[in-house]
Protein backbone atom coordinates (compact mmCIF):
# COMPACT_ATOMS: atom_id res chain seq x y z
CA UNK A 1 51.06 -123.32 -195.15
CA UNK A 2 51.08 -121.50 -198.92
CA UNK A 3 49.77 -118.26 -199.07
CA UNK A 4 48.44 -119.03 -202.54
CA UNK A 5 46.85 -115.37 -202.71
CA UNK A 6 49.83 -113.65 -201.36
CA UNK A 7 51.81 -115.13 -204.29
CA UNK A 8 49.32 -114.74 -206.54
CA UNK A 9 49.39 -111.01 -205.43
CA UNK A 10 52.92 -110.16 -206.26
CA UNK A 11 52.31 -111.70 -209.24
CA UNK A 12 50.20 -109.25 -210.38
CA UNK A 13 51.32 -106.40 -208.28
CA UNK A 14 54.78 -107.07 -210.25
CA UNK A 15 53.32 -107.99 -213.51
CA UNK A 16 51.09 -104.38 -213.72
CA UNK A 17 54.27 -102.52 -212.46
CA UNK A 18 56.46 -103.85 -215.55
CA UNK A 19 53.47 -103.27 -218.11
CA UNK A 20 52.31 -100.22 -217.29
CA UNK A 21 55.65 -98.86 -216.23
CA UNK A 22 58.17 -100.10 -219.07
CA UNK A 23 54.64 -99.72 -221.04
CA UNK A 24 55.01 -95.91 -220.68
CA UNK A 25 58.56 -96.45 -221.47
CA UNK A 26 57.45 -97.89 -224.92
CA UNK A 27 54.88 -95.83 -225.59
CA UNK A 28 57.55 -92.52 -225.22
CA UNK A 29 58.88 -93.77 -228.34
CA UNK A 30 55.90 -93.46 -230.67
CA UNK A 31 55.10 -90.31 -228.60
CA UNK A 32 58.01 -88.25 -227.19
CA UNK A 33 55.42 -85.97 -225.25
CA UNK A 34 55.07 -88.34 -222.62
CA UNK A 35 58.57 -87.54 -221.51
CA UNK A 36 60.79 -88.63 -218.34
CA UNK A 37 58.10 -87.07 -216.14
CA UNK A 38 55.10 -89.25 -217.86
CA UNK A 39 57.43 -92.12 -217.15
CA UNK A 40 57.97 -91.19 -213.75
CA UNK A 41 54.26 -90.76 -212.78
CA UNK A 42 52.87 -94.19 -214.76
CA UNK A 43 55.64 -96.06 -212.08
CA UNK A 44 54.73 -94.21 -209.11
CA UNK A 45 51.28 -94.13 -209.74
CA UNK A 46 51.55 -97.99 -210.32
CA UNK A 47 53.03 -98.73 -207.29
CA UNK A 48 50.43 -96.60 -205.58
CA UNK A 49 47.87 -98.16 -206.95
CA UNK A 50 49.21 -101.64 -206.01
CA UNK A 51 49.41 -101.22 -202.44
CA UNK A 52 46.43 -99.47 -202.06
CA UNK A 53 44.78 -103.02 -204.06
CA UNK A 54 47.23 -105.69 -202.49
CA UNK A 55 48.99 -104.04 -199.68
CA UNK A 56 46.88 -106.26 -197.48
CA UNK A 57 47.20 -109.39 -199.34
CA UNK A 58 50.95 -109.60 -199.94
CA UNK A 59 52.56 -106.47 -198.19
CA UNK A 60 52.68 -105.63 -201.98
CA UNK A 61 56.70 -105.65 -202.12
CA UNK A 62 56.48 -106.09 -206.19
CA UNK A 63 60.39 -106.02 -205.65
CA UNK A 64 62.33 -108.82 -204.71
CA UNK A 65 65.15 -106.18 -203.42
CA UNK A 66 62.04 -105.19 -201.09
CA UNK A 67 61.59 -108.65 -200.31
CA UNK A 68 64.55 -109.57 -199.42
CA UNK A 69 65.25 -106.46 -197.09
CA UNK A 70 62.22 -107.11 -195.39
CA UNK A 71 63.24 -110.99 -194.45
CA UNK A 72 66.14 -109.34 -193.05
CA UNK A 73 63.65 -107.03 -190.95
CA UNK A 74 61.83 -110.08 -189.99
CA UNK A 75 58.63 -109.37 -191.86
CA UNK A 76 58.47 -112.05 -194.21
CA UNK A 77 59.85 -115.60 -193.56
CA UNK A 78 62.17 -117.76 -195.57
CA UNK A 79 60.25 -120.05 -197.81
CA UNK A 80 57.72 -116.75 -198.58
CA UNK A 81 60.56 -114.74 -199.53
CA UNK A 82 61.83 -117.39 -201.68
CA UNK A 83 58.61 -117.58 -203.55
CA UNK A 84 58.13 -113.82 -203.65
CA UNK A 85 61.05 -113.39 -205.86
CA UNK A 86 60.17 -115.97 -208.27
CA UNK A 87 56.78 -114.97 -208.80
CA UNK A 88 58.17 -111.15 -209.08
CA UNK A 89 60.65 -112.45 -211.30
CA UNK A 90 57.94 -114.37 -213.69
CA UNK A 91 55.11 -111.42 -213.22
CA UNK A 92 57.73 -108.90 -215.02
CA UNK A 93 59.02 -111.72 -217.27
CA UNK A 94 55.33 -112.24 -218.81
CA UNK A 95 54.60 -108.18 -218.35
CA UNK A 96 57.54 -108.13 -220.84
CA UNK A 97 56.60 -110.83 -222.87
CA UNK A 98 53.23 -109.16 -223.69
CA UNK A 99 54.67 -105.54 -224.04
CA UNK A 100 56.47 -106.84 -227.26
CA UNK A 101 53.61 -108.86 -228.74
CA UNK A 102 51.32 -105.67 -228.31
CA UNK A 103 54.53 -103.52 -229.77
CA UNK A 104 56.28 -106.07 -232.04
CA UNK A 105 58.16 -103.09 -233.71
CA UNK A 106 59.23 -101.65 -230.70
CA UNK A 107 63.05 -100.83 -230.07
CA UNK A 108 63.43 -101.07 -226.54
CA UNK A 109 61.29 -102.88 -224.20
CA UNK A 110 62.04 -100.14 -221.17
CA UNK A 111 65.12 -102.12 -220.55
CA UNK A 112 67.05 -100.32 -217.58
CA UNK A 113 70.74 -99.67 -219.74
CA UNK A 114 72.63 -96.41 -217.92
CA UNK A 115 73.84 -93.40 -219.82
CA UNK A 116 76.77 -92.56 -216.91
CA UNK A 117 79.80 -94.44 -215.98
CA UNK A 118 79.75 -97.76 -214.69
CA UNK A 119 80.91 -96.24 -211.50
CA UNK A 120 78.08 -93.65 -211.33
CA UNK A 121 75.39 -95.98 -212.47
CA UNK A 122 76.31 -98.44 -209.12
CA UNK A 123 76.28 -95.20 -206.94
CA UNK A 124 73.02 -93.98 -208.30
CA UNK A 125 71.41 -97.29 -208.34
CA UNK A 126 72.26 -98.16 -204.83
CA UNK A 127 72.11 -94.51 -203.14
CA UNK A 128 67.99 -94.34 -204.92
CA UNK A 129 67.72 -97.78 -203.89
CA UNK A 130 68.70 -97.09 -200.22
CA UNK A 131 66.85 -93.59 -200.46
CA UNK A 132 63.48 -96.07 -201.56
CA UNK A 133 64.12 -98.93 -198.62
CA UNK A 134 64.71 -96.35 -196.18
CA UNK A 135 61.50 -94.42 -196.79
CA UNK A 136 59.61 -97.59 -196.53
CA UNK A 137 60.94 -98.79 -193.69
CA UNK A 138 59.56 -95.46 -191.73
CA UNK A 139 56.41 -95.24 -192.85
CA UNK A 140 55.32 -98.76 -192.56
CA UNK A 141 55.79 -98.01 -188.95
CA UNK A 142 52.64 -95.75 -188.95
CA UNK A 143 50.49 -98.85 -190.18
CA UNK A 144 48.26 -97.45 -192.07
CA UNK A 145 47.96 -98.55 -196.06
CA UNK A 146 46.47 -95.54 -197.39
CA UNK A 147 49.75 -93.55 -196.24
CA UNK A 148 52.21 -96.17 -197.03
CA UNK A 149 50.89 -96.22 -200.43
CA UNK A 150 50.74 -92.52 -201.33
CA UNK A 151 54.84 -92.19 -199.38
CA UNK A 152 56.42 -94.94 -201.11
CA UNK A 153 54.18 -94.30 -204.63
CA UNK A 154 55.79 -90.50 -204.33
CA UNK A 155 58.93 -91.15 -203.76
CA UNK A 156 58.98 -93.93 -206.61
CA UNK A 157 57.87 -91.36 -208.57
CA UNK A 158 60.59 -88.25 -207.34
CA UNK A 159 63.37 -91.17 -207.57
CA UNK A 160 62.37 -92.45 -211.13
CA UNK A 161 62.01 -88.77 -212.79
CA UNK A 162 65.78 -87.42 -211.02
CA UNK A 163 67.71 -90.83 -211.78
CA UNK A 164 65.81 -92.12 -214.77
CA UNK A 165 67.93 -90.42 -217.13
CA UNK A 166 70.92 -91.54 -216.13
CA UNK A 167 70.64 -95.06 -214.95
CA UNK A 168 66.60 -95.76 -215.78
CA UNK A 169 65.99 -95.61 -211.84
CA UNK A 170 65.22 -99.55 -211.53
CA UNK A 171 65.90 -100.21 -207.94
CA UNK A 172 63.81 -103.43 -208.56
CA UNK A 173 65.61 -106.44 -210.09
CA UNK A 174 62.18 -107.92 -211.33
CA UNK A 175 61.44 -104.56 -212.99
CA UNK A 176 65.01 -104.43 -215.06
CA UNK A 177 65.63 -108.61 -215.65
CA UNK A 178 61.66 -108.65 -216.92
CA UNK A 179 62.46 -106.67 -220.40
CA UNK A 180 66.41 -107.89 -220.34
CA UNK A 181 65.12 -111.84 -220.52
CA UNK A 182 62.64 -110.90 -223.42
CA UNK A 183 64.73 -107.91 -225.08
CA UNK A 184 68.15 -110.31 -224.69
CA UNK A 185 70.06 -107.28 -223.61
CA UNK A 186 71.68 -108.83 -220.46
CA UNK A 187 74.59 -106.63 -220.91
CA UNK A 188 74.04 -105.14 -217.36
CA UNK A 189 71.32 -106.85 -215.82
CA UNK A 190 73.94 -108.16 -212.94
CA UNK A 191 74.22 -104.67 -211.65
CA UNK A 192 70.56 -103.99 -211.81
CA UNK A 193 70.30 -107.08 -210.01
CA UNK A 194 72.53 -106.60 -206.95
CA UNK A 195 73.43 -102.98 -206.62
CA UNK A 196 69.47 -102.40 -205.57
CA UNK A 197 69.60 -105.49 -203.15
CA UNK A 198 72.95 -104.22 -202.02
CA UNK A 199 70.89 -100.61 -201.03
CA UNK A 200 68.27 -101.56 -199.53
CA UNK A 201 69.96 -103.88 -197.38
CA UNK A 202 72.24 -101.09 -196.39
CA UNK A 203 69.08 -98.91 -195.50
CA UNK A 204 67.85 -101.79 -193.08
CA UNK A 205 71.19 -101.73 -191.46
CA UNK A 206 71.65 -98.19 -191.50
CA UNK A 207 67.67 -98.24 -189.43
CA UNK A 208 68.70 -100.72 -186.81
CA UNK A 209 72.18 -98.07 -186.36
CA UNK A 210 69.94 -95.30 -185.65
CA UNK A 211 67.63 -97.29 -183.45
CA UNK A 212 70.54 -98.39 -181.46
CA UNK A 213 71.72 -94.69 -181.25
CA UNK A 214 68.42 -93.68 -179.80
CA UNK A 215 68.73 -96.55 -176.65
CA UNK A 216 72.30 -95.44 -175.36
């Protein structure tokens, strides 16, 4: 049976993440005082709020890489994971389209573009995605939504602040796909799709390795 509420929640959550997060990037062009700190707060706070509001409905993945990693962890079944992925990308893309309608003269839609070499781009995105997923896997074991929202939101804020100036700190294929499609800037999109997924799958494998060592 289709869980329509969960799919709608993922759509809404990802839409809001991209709308407010990349919206802060756009506004920073008009009001530079927002800066990297303000942009990072926008992303982190939006994640926190979405987890609080939607966590009990869909798990508030709002990130295809998280969904794939949790499918690997058997938290979500294959059919739901595929639909999650699709609605997340659709939500992100519609958010970027709406931002372009609101700011038709903007020179950026908050695309994730590297300011470092290709190798550094891959390593940074892999590392921050790995750390984000590891924090998610750890905090969800406590089964307290309010705690999960605070921890995951803070980790997103911190990693975005540290890595944002170098890679855009995607950690989220949908967050990168939406602005890339609407802006037409697809040069690095494959990196921002596959590297975060690889980083989060590595976190799942690492968690399993740690648990295996504890049992031996």
